Amino acid sequence: MVTTTAAAKAPTSASKRPRAAAQTPEQELASALVRTMHLLQDFHAESSRPLGLTPQQAHLLCVLLAAPLGMTELSRILSIERSSLTSMVDRLERRDLVTRTASATDRRACLIELTDAGRSLAHDAHDAVVARIESLTASLPASTRRTLTTTLQSLLNHT
């Protein structure tokens, strides 16, 4: 009879998993960016919950900090179907966080705009995520943070 210990049954951590085959530098970069995206999504989710928002609602509010937007543009930016966006906007409107205003250029369309309460909550959500990111990067040397900033801005400018 073979017995196993609890330690043998416990899942291994990422650092103790067998390494995959060596990656090319391009694959390493892609992997690092995907892991970073997941970490940032976790930060966003953890920061939005205490504010009574889903991560998607917090994202919508933060996007609207720049300016009111139409439903088509919001749907594109948030990568969600218009029907899902309509439901989300309805819920946020009932909470007095956004309003719909008629478009000056298209009478069939409306713009989604933050209310004062929505603007305040959007700033809170944004500030909470920024604080988490600052905490994550605080131990990096200033020169590394500058390089990272420049590199990420370059990537973002190419999208």
N, C-alpha and C. Protein backbone atom coordinates (compact mmCIF):
# COMPACT_ATOMS: atom_id res chain seq x y z
N MET A 1 0.85 -1.18 0.00
CA MET A 1 0.00 0.00 0.00
C MET A 1 0.90 1.24 0.00
N VAL A 2 0.58 2.15 -0.86
CA VAL A 2 1.35 3.39 -0.96
C VAL A 2 0.58 4.49 -0.26
N THR A 3 1.25 5.19 0.62
CA THR A 3 0.61 6.32 1.27
C THR A 3 1.28 7.60 0.82
N THR A 4 0.51 8.68 0.81
CA THR A 4 1.06 9.97 0.44
C THR A 4 0.83 10.92 1.59
N THR A 5 1.72 11.85 1.72
CA THR A 5 1.58 12.85 2.77
C THR A 5 0.74 14.00 2.27
N ALA A 6 0.25 14.80 3.21
CA ALA A 6 -0.53 15.98 2.82
C ALA A 6 0.31 16.91 1.97
N ALA A 7 1.59 17.01 2.28
CA ALA A 7 2.47 17.89 1.49
C ALA A 7 2.57 17.40 0.06
N ALA A 8 2.56 16.09 -0.12
CA ALA A 8 2.66 15.57 -1.48
C ALA A 8 1.39 15.84 -2.27
N LYS A 9 0.26 15.93 -1.58
CA LYS A 9 -1.01 16.18 -2.26
C LYS A 9 -1.25 17.66 -2.53
N ALA A 10 -0.59 18.52 -1.78
CA ALA A 10 -0.82 19.96 -1.92
C ALA A 10 -0.36 20.43 -3.29
N PRO A 11 -1.11 21.36 -3.88
CA PRO A 11 -0.69 21.89 -5.17
C PRO A 11 0.64 22.61 -5.02
N THR A 12 1.42 22.53 -6.06
CA THR A 12 2.71 23.20 -6.03
C THR A 12 2.54 24.66 -6.39
N SER A 13 3.37 25.50 -5.83
CA SER A 13 3.30 26.92 -6.18
C SER A 13 3.94 27.11 -7.53
N ALA A 14 3.70 28.28 -8.11
CA ALA A 14 4.23 28.58 -9.44
C ALA A 14 5.74 28.46 -9.47
N SER A 15 6.40 28.83 -8.37
CA SER A 15 7.86 28.79 -8.35
C SER A 15 8.39 27.37 -8.26
N LYS A 16 7.57 26.40 -7.85
CA LYS A 16 8.03 25.03 -7.70
C LYS A 16 7.57 24.12 -8.83
N ARG A 17 6.81 24.64 -9.76
CA ARG A 17 6.37 23.84 -10.90
C ARG A 17 7.56 23.56 -11.81
N PRO A 18 7.53 22.43 -12.48
CA PRO A 18 8.61 22.17 -13.43
C PRO A 18 8.61 23.25 -14.50
N ARG A 19 9.77 23.67 -14.88
CA ARG A 19 9.89 24.72 -15.90
C ARG A 19 9.54 24.16 -17.27
N ALA A 20 8.86 24.98 -18.03
CA ALA A 20 8.55 24.62 -19.41
C ALA A 20 9.82 24.78 -20.23
N ALA A 21 9.75 24.35 -21.45
CA ALA A 21 10.90 24.50 -22.34
C ALA A 21 11.28 25.97 -22.42
N ALA A 22 12.53 26.22 -22.68
CA ALA A 22 13.01 27.60 -22.77
C ALA A 22 12.20 28.39 -23.78
N GLN A 23 11.90 29.62 -23.40
CA GLN A 23 11.12 30.49 -24.28
C GLN A 23 12.05 31.42 -25.04
N THR A 24 11.58 31.84 -26.19
CA THR A 24 12.31 32.86 -26.93
C THR A 24 12.12 34.18 -26.20
N PRO A 25 12.96 35.17 -26.46
CA PRO A 25 12.75 36.48 -25.83
C PRO A 25 11.36 37.06 -26.12
N GLU A 26 10.85 36.83 -27.31
CA GLU A 26 9.52 37.33 -27.66
C GLU A 26 8.44 36.64 -26.82
N GLN A 27 8.60 35.34 -26.61
CA GLN A 27 7.64 34.59 -25.79
C GLN A 27 7.73 35.02 -24.33
N GLU A 28 8.95 35.27 -23.85
CA GLU A 28 9.12 35.74 -22.48
C GLU A 28 8.42 37.08 -22.28
N LEU A 29 8.57 37.98 -23.26
CA LEU A 29 7.92 39.29 -23.19
C LEU A 29 6.40 39.11 -23.18
N ALA A 30 5.89 38.31 -24.10
CA ALA A 30 4.44 38.09 -24.16
C ALA A 30 3.93 37.50 -22.85
N SER A 31 4.64 36.52 -22.31
CA SER A 31 4.24 35.91 -21.04
C SER A 31 4.24 36.92 -19.91
N ALA A 32 5.28 37.73 -19.84
CA ALA A 32 5.36 38.74 -18.79
C ALA A 32 4.22 39.74 -18.90
N LEU A 33 3.88 40.13 -20.12
CA LEU A 33 2.78 41.09 -20.31
C LEU A 33 1.44 40.46 -19.93
N VAL A 34 1.22 39.20 -20.27
CA VAL A 34 -0.03 38.53 -19.91
C VAL A 34 -0.14 38.41 -18.40
N ARG A 35 0.95 38.01 -17.73
CA ARG A 35 0.92 37.90 -16.27
C ARG A 35 0.67 39.27 -15.63
N THR A 36 1.26 40.31 -16.21
CA THR A 36 1.06 41.67 -15.71
C THR A 36 -0.41 42.09 -15.88
N MET A 37 -0.99 41.75 -17.03
CA MET A 37 -2.40 42.07 -17.27
C MET A 37 -3.28 41.42 -16.21
N HIS A 38 -3.00 40.14 -15.91
CA HIS A 38 -3.80 39.44 -14.90
C HIS A 38 -3.63 40.07 -13.53
N LEU A 39 -2.41 40.45 -13.19
CA LEU A 39 -2.16 41.09 -11.91
C LEU A 39 -2.92 42.42 -11.81
N LEU A 40 -2.88 43.21 -12.88
CA LEU A 40 -3.59 44.49 -12.88
C LEU A 40 -5.10 44.30 -12.82
N GLN A 41 -5.60 43.26 -13.48
CA GLN A 41 -7.03 42.97 -13.38
C GLN A 41 -7.41 42.60 -11.95
N ASP A 42 -6.54 41.85 -11.29
CA ASP A 42 -6.78 41.51 -9.88
C ASP A 42 -6.79 42.77 -9.02
N PHE A 43 -5.83 43.67 -9.24
CA PHE A 43 -5.79 44.93 -8.50
C PHE A 43 -7.08 45.70 -8.71
N HIS A 44 -7.53 45.74 -9.96
CA HIS A 44 -8.75 46.48 -10.30
C HIS A 44 -9.96 45.87 -9.58
N ALA A 45 -10.06 44.56 -9.61
CA ALA A 45 -11.19 43.88 -8.96
C ALA A 45 -11.15 44.09 -7.45
N GLU A 46 -9.98 43.93 -6.85
CA GLU A 46 -9.86 44.11 -5.40
C GLU A 46 -10.15 45.55 -4.98
N SER A 47 -9.86 46.50 -5.84
CA SER A 47 -10.07 47.91 -5.52
C SER A 47 -11.52 48.34 -5.72
N SER A 48 -12.22 47.70 -6.64
CA SER A 48 -13.60 48.11 -6.94
C SER A 48 -14.61 47.55 -5.94
N ARG A 49 -14.36 46.35 -5.44
CA ARG A 49 -15.33 45.71 -4.52
C ARG A 49 -15.67 46.56 -3.30
N PRO A 50 -14.67 47.12 -2.58
CA PRO A 50 -15.01 47.92 -1.40
C PRO A 50 -15.82 49.17 -1.74
N LEU A 51 -15.80 49.57 -3.01
CA LEU A 51 -16.55 50.75 -3.44
C LEU A 51 -17.97 50.38 -3.88
N GLY A 52 -18.30 49.09 -3.80
CA GLY A 52 -19.64 48.64 -4.21
C GLY A 52 -19.80 48.56 -5.72
N LEU A 53 -18.69 48.39 -6.43
CA LEU A 53 -18.71 48.32 -7.88
C LEU A 53 -18.16 46.99 -8.36
N THR A 54 -18.65 46.54 -9.49
CA THR A 54 -17.99 45.43 -10.16
C THR A 54 -16.77 46.02 -10.88
N PRO A 55 -15.80 45.18 -11.23
CA PRO A 55 -14.66 45.71 -11.98
C PRO A 55 -15.08 46.38 -13.29
N GLN A 56 -16.10 45.83 -13.95
CA GLN A 56 -16.57 46.40 -15.20
C GLN A 56 -17.20 47.79 -14.98
N GLN A 57 -17.98 47.92 -13.90
CA GLN A 57 -18.57 49.22 -13.59
C GLN A 57 -17.49 50.24 -13.27
N ALA A 58 -16.50 49.84 -12.49
CA ALA A 58 -15.40 50.75 -12.16
C ALA A 58 -14.66 51.16 -13.42
N HIS A 59 -14.45 50.21 -14.32
CA HIS A 59 -13.77 50.52 -15.58
C HIS A 59 -14.57 51.55 -16.38
N LEU A 60 -15.87 51.33 -16.49
CA LEU A 60 -16.72 52.27 -17.21
C LEU A 60 -16.63 53.67 -16.60
N LEU A 61 -16.74 53.77 -15.28
CA LEU A 61 -16.68 55.08 -14.63
C LEU A 61 -15.32 55.74 -14.88
N CYS A 62 -14.25 54.97 -14.79
CA CYS A 62 -12.91 55.54 -15.02
C CYS A 62 -12.74 56.02 -16.47
N VAL A 63 -13.29 55.27 -17.41
CA VAL A 63 -13.22 55.68 -18.82
C VAL A 63 -13.94 57.02 -19.02
N LEU A 64 -15.06 57.19 -18.32
CA LEU A 64 -15.85 58.42 -18.47
C LEU A 64 -15.21 59.63 -17.79
N LEU A 65 -14.14 59.42 -17.01
CA LEU A 65 -13.46 60.58 -16.40
C LEU A 65 -12.92 61.51 -17.48
N ALA A 66 -12.52 60.96 -18.61
CA ALA A 66 -11.95 61.77 -19.69
C ALA A 66 -13.01 62.66 -20.34
N ALA A 67 -14.19 62.09 -20.59
CA ALA A 67 -15.25 62.84 -21.27
C ALA A 67 -16.48 61.93 -21.43
N PRO A 68 -17.65 62.53 -21.58
CA PRO A 68 -18.84 61.71 -21.88
C PRO A 68 -18.62 60.99 -23.22
N LEU A 69 -19.17 59.79 -23.30
CA LEU A 69 -19.03 59.00 -24.53
C LEU A 69 -20.36 58.37 -24.90
N GLY A 70 -20.50 58.05 -26.18
CA GLY A 70 -21.67 57.35 -26.66
C GLY A 70 -21.57 55.86 -26.39
N MET A 71 -22.69 55.20 -26.52
CA MET A 71 -22.76 53.77 -26.22
C MET A 71 -21.88 52.94 -27.15
N THR A 72 -21.81 53.30 -28.42
CA THR A 72 -20.99 52.53 -29.37
C THR A 72 -19.53 52.62 -28.99
N GLU A 73 -19.06 53.81 -28.67
CA GLU A 73 -17.67 54.00 -28.29
C GLU A 73 -17.37 53.29 -26.97
N LEU A 74 -18.26 53.39 -26.01
CA LEU A 74 -18.07 52.70 -24.73
C LEU A 74 -18.03 51.19 -24.93
N SER A 75 -18.91 50.68 -25.76
CA SER A 75 -18.94 49.25 -26.04
C SER A 75 -17.61 48.79 -26.63
N ARG A 76 -17.05 49.58 -27.52
CA ARG A 76 -15.77 49.25 -28.14
C ARG A 76 -14.64 49.30 -27.11
N ILE A 77 -14.58 50.36 -26.33
CA ILE A 77 -13.51 50.53 -25.34
C ILE A 77 -13.56 49.44 -24.28
N LEU A 78 -14.75 49.09 -23.81
CA LEU A 78 -14.91 48.11 -22.75
C LEU A 78 -14.96 46.67 -23.26
N SER A 79 -15.02 46.52 -24.58
CA SER A 79 -15.09 45.18 -25.21
C SER A 79 -16.27 44.37 -24.71
N ILE A 80 -17.44 45.01 -24.66
CA ILE A 80 -18.66 44.29 -24.27
C ILE A 80 -19.76 44.59 -25.28
N GLU A 81 -20.72 43.70 -25.34
CA GLU A 81 -21.86 43.88 -26.24
C GLU A 81 -22.71 45.06 -25.77
N ARG A 82 -23.35 45.71 -26.73
CA ARG A 82 -24.17 46.87 -26.39
C ARG A 82 -25.29 46.52 -25.42
N SER A 83 -25.87 45.33 -25.54
CA SER A 83 -26.95 44.96 -24.62
C SER A 83 -26.44 44.86 -23.19
N SER A 84 -25.24 44.31 -23.01
CA SER A 84 -24.65 44.23 -21.67
C SER A 84 -24.32 45.62 -21.15
N LEU A 85 -23.83 46.47 -22.04
CA LEU A 85 -23.51 47.84 -21.66
C LEU A 85 -24.77 48.59 -21.24
N THR A 86 -25.83 48.40 -21.98
CA THR A 86 -27.10 49.07 -21.65
C THR A 86 -27.55 48.69 -20.24
N SER A 87 -27.46 47.40 -19.90
CA SER A 87 -27.84 46.96 -18.56
C SER A 87 -26.94 47.58 -17.51
N MET A 88 -25.64 47.64 -17.79
CA MET A 88 -24.71 48.22 -16.83
C MET A 88 -24.99 49.71 -16.63
N VAL A 89 -25.22 50.42 -17.72
CA VAL A 89 -25.53 51.86 -17.62
C VAL A 89 -26.84 52.06 -16.87
N ASP A 90 -27.83 51.20 -17.12
CA ASP A 90 -29.10 51.29 -16.38
C ASP A 90 -28.86 51.19 -14.87
N ARG A 91 -28.04 50.21 -14.47
CA ARG A 91 -27.77 50.03 -13.03
C ARG A 91 -27.03 51.24 -12.46
N LEU A 92 -26.06 51.75 -13.18
CA LEU A 92 -25.30 52.91 -12.70
C LEU A 92 -26.16 54.17 -12.68
N GLU A 93 -27.08 54.27 -13.62
CA GLU A 93 -27.99 55.41 -13.66
C GLU A 93 -28.94 55.37 -12.46
N ARG A 94 -29.43 54.18 -12.11
CA ARG A 94 -30.31 54.04 -10.94
C ARG A 94 -29.58 54.43 -9.66
N ARG A 95 -28.28 54.25 -9.63
CA ARG A 95 -27.47 54.62 -8.46
C ARG A 95 -27.03 56.09 -8.52
N ASP A 96 -27.48 56.81 -9.53
CA ASP A 96 -27.14 58.22 -9.73
C ASP A 96 -25.63 58.44 -9.91
N LEU A 97 -25.00 57.50 -10.63
CA LEU A 97 -23.57 57.64 -10.92
C LEU A 97 -23.31 58.12 -12.34
N VAL A 98 -24.27 57.88 -13.24
CA VAL A 98 -24.18 58.37 -14.62
C VAL A 98 -25.54 58.90 -15.06
N THR A 99 -25.50 59.72 -16.09
CA THR A 99 -26.74 60.17 -16.72
C THR A 99 -26.60 59.99 -18.22
N ARG A 100 -27.75 59.89 -18.87
CA ARG A 100 -27.78 59.87 -20.33
C ARG A 100 -28.19 61.26 -20.80
N THR A 101 -27.41 61.81 -21.72
CA THR A 101 -27.78 63.11 -22.28
C THR A 101 -27.87 62.97 -23.80
N ALA A 102 -28.76 63.73 -24.38
CA ALA A 102 -28.94 63.65 -25.83
C ALA A 102 -27.69 64.13 -26.55
N SER A 103 -27.35 63.43 -27.62
CA SER A 103 -26.22 63.83 -28.45
C SER A 103 -26.59 65.06 -29.25
N ALA A 104 -25.68 66.00 -29.30
CA ALA A 104 -25.94 67.23 -30.07
C ALA A 104 -25.87 66.98 -31.57
N THR A 105 -25.20 65.89 -31.97
CA THR A 105 -25.00 65.63 -33.40
C THR A 105 -25.87 64.51 -33.96
N ASP A 106 -26.46 63.69 -33.09
CA ASP A 106 -27.26 62.57 -33.55
C ASP A 106 -28.44 62.38 -32.60
N ARG A 107 -29.63 62.75 -33.06
CA ARG A 107 -30.78 62.71 -32.15
C ARG A 107 -31.16 61.31 -31.72
N ARG A 108 -30.66 60.28 -32.42
CA ARG A 108 -30.95 58.90 -32.02
C ARG A 108 -30.02 58.41 -30.91
N ALA A 109 -28.92 59.11 -30.72
CA ALA A 109 -27.89 58.65 -29.78
C ALA A 109 -27.90 59.46 -28.49
N CYS A 110 -27.27 58.89 -27.48
CA CYS A 110 -27.10 59.61 -26.22
C CYS A 110 -25.66 59.46 -25.78
N LEU A 111 -25.26 60.38 -24.94
CA LEU A 111 -23.93 60.32 -24.34
C LEU A 111 -24.09 59.90 -22.89
N ILE A 112 -23.15 59.12 -22.42
CA ILE A 112 -23.15 58.70 -21.02
C ILE A 112 -22.17 59.61 -20.30
N GLU A 113 -22.66 60.24 -19.24
CA GLU A 113 -21.88 61.24 -18.54
C GLU A 113 -21.89 60.94 -17.04
N LEU A 114 -20.77 61.20 -16.38
CA LEU A 114 -20.69 61.01 -14.93
C LEU A 114 -21.48 62.09 -14.19
N THR A 115 -22.14 61.69 -13.13
CA THR A 115 -22.71 62.66 -12.20
C THR A 115 -21.58 63.05 -11.23
N ASP A 116 -21.84 63.99 -10.36
CA ASP A 116 -20.83 64.35 -9.36
C ASP A 116 -20.46 63.14 -8.50
N ALA A 117 -21.47 62.38 -8.09
CA ALA A 117 -21.22 61.18 -7.28
C ALA A 117 -20.42 60.15 -8.08
N GLY A 118 -20.75 60.00 -9.35
CA GLY A 118 -20.02 59.06 -10.22
C GLY A 118 -18.58 59.49 -10.43
N ARG A 119 -18.36 60.78 -10.61
CA ARG A 119 -17.00 61.30 -10.79
C ARG A 119 -16.17 61.04 -9.52
N SER A 120 -16.76 61.28 -8.37
CA SER A 120 -16.06 61.05 -7.11
C SER A 120 -15.71 59.57 -6.95
N LEU A 121 -16.65 58.68 -7.25
CA LEU A 121 -16.41 57.24 -7.14
C LEU A 121 -15.37 56.78 -8.16
N ALA A 122 -15.42 57.34 -9.36
CA ALA A 122 -14.44 56.99 -10.40
C ALA A 122 -13.04 57.38 -9.94
N HIS A 123 -12.90 58.56 -9.35
CA HIS A 123 -11.59 58.99 -8.83
C HIS A 123 -11.14 58.06 -7.71
N ASP A 124 -12.06 57.65 -6.84
CA ASP A 124 -11.71 56.72 -5.77
C ASP A 124 -11.21 55.39 -6.34
N ALA A 125 -11.91 54.87 -7.34
CA ALA A 125 -11.52 53.60 -7.96
C ALA A 125 -10.15 53.73 -8.62
N HIS A 126 -9.96 54.80 -9.36
CA HIS A 126 -8.68 55.03 -10.03
C HIS A 126 -7.55 55.17 -9.02
N ASP A 127 -7.76 55.97 -8.00
CA ASP A 127 -6.73 56.19 -6.99
C ASP A 127 -6.36 54.91 -6.25
N ALA A 128 -7.34 54.04 -6.01
CA ALA A 128 -7.07 52.78 -5.31
C ALA A 128 -6.17 51.87 -6.16
N VAL A 129 -6.44 51.81 -7.46
CA VAL A 129 -5.61 50.98 -8.34
C VAL A 129 -4.21 51.58 -8.45
N VAL A 130 -4.13 52.90 -8.59
CA VAL A 130 -2.83 53.56 -8.68
C VAL A 130 -2.01 53.29 -7.42
N ALA A 131 -2.64 53.33 -6.27
CA ALA A 131 -1.93 53.07 -5.01
C ALA A 131 -1.37 51.65 -4.99
N ARG A 132 -2.14 50.69 -5.47
CA ARG A 132 -1.65 49.30 -5.53
C ARG A 132 -0.46 49.18 -6.47
N ILE A 133 -0.54 49.85 -7.61
CA ILE A 133 0.57 49.79 -8.58
C ILE A 133 1.80 50.49 -8.02
N GLU A 134 1.61 51.62 -7.36
CA GLU A 134 2.74 52.32 -6.74
C GLU A 134 3.40 51.43 -5.69
N SER A 135 2.61 50.72 -4.93
CA SER A 135 3.15 49.81 -3.92
C SER A 135 3.96 48.69 -4.58
N LEU A 136 3.45 48.17 -5.67
CA LEU A 136 4.13 47.10 -6.40
C LEU A 136 5.48 47.56 -6.95
N THR A 137 5.53 48.77 -7.46
CA THR A 137 6.75 49.25 -8.14
C THR A 137 7.67 50.06 -7.24
N ALA A 138 7.29 50.29 -6.01
CA ALA A 138 8.07 51.15 -5.11
C ALA A 138 9.50 50.66 -4.92
N SER A 139 9.70 49.36 -4.92
CA SER A 139 11.04 48.83 -4.66
C SER A 139 11.95 48.86 -5.89
N LEU A 140 11.38 49.19 -7.03
CA LEU A 140 12.21 49.28 -8.24
C LEU A 140 13.03 50.57 -8.22
N PRO A 141 14.27 50.51 -8.71
CA PRO A 141 15.05 51.74 -8.81
C PRO A 141 14.34 52.75 -9.72
N ALA A 142 14.54 54.02 -9.45
CA ALA A 142 13.89 55.08 -10.23
C ALA A 142 14.18 54.93 -11.72
N SER A 143 15.40 54.57 -12.07
CA SER A 143 15.75 54.43 -13.49
C SER A 143 14.95 53.29 -14.14
N THR A 144 14.70 52.23 -13.41
CA THR A 144 13.90 51.12 -13.94
C THR A 144 12.45 51.55 -14.11
N ARG A 145 11.92 52.30 -13.15
CA ARG A 145 10.54 52.80 -13.28
C ARG A 145 10.41 53.71 -14.50
N ARG A 146 11.40 54.58 -14.71
CA ARG A 146 11.36 55.47 -15.89
C ARG A 146 11.41 54.66 -17.18
N THR A 147 12.28 53.66 -17.23
CA THR A 147 12.38 52.81 -18.42
C THR A 147 11.07 52.07 -18.66
N LEU A 148 10.50 51.53 -17.60
CA LEU A 148 9.23 50.82 -17.71
C LEU A 148 8.13 51.75 -18.23
N THR A 149 8.08 52.94 -17.68
CA THR A 149 7.08 53.93 -18.11
C THR A 149 7.25 54.25 -19.59
N THR A 150 8.46 54.53 -20.01
CA THR A 150 8.73 54.87 -21.41
C THR A 150 8.37 53.71 -22.33
N THR A 151 8.73 52.50 -21.93
CA THR A 151 8.46 51.32 -22.75
C THR A 151 6.95 51.07 -22.88
N LEU A 152 6.24 51.16 -21.75
CA LEU A 152 4.78 50.95 -21.81
C LEU A 152 4.09 52.04 -22.61
N GLN A 153 4.51 53.28 -22.46
CA GLN A 153 3.92 54.36 -23.25
C GLN A 153 4.17 54.13 -24.74
N SER A 154 5.34 53.65 -25.08
CA SER A 154 5.64 53.35 -26.48
C SER A 154 4.72 52.25 -27.01
N LEU A 155 4.53 51.20 -26.22
CA LEU A 155 3.61 50.14 -26.63
C LEU A 155 2.19 50.67 -26.81
N LEU A 156 1.73 51.47 -25.86
CA LEU A 156 0.38 52.02 -25.92
C LEU A 156 0.19 52.95 -27.11
N ASN A 157 1.23 53.65 -27.49
CA ASN A 157 1.13 54.57 -28.63
C ASN A 157 1.07 53.83 -29.96
N HIS A 158 1.38 52.54 -29.95
CA HIS A 158 1.34 51.74 -31.18
C HIS A 158 0.07 50.93 -31.32
N THR A 159 -0.90 51.19 -30.44
CA THR A 159 -2.16 50.42 -30.54
C THR A 159 -3.22 51.25 -31.19
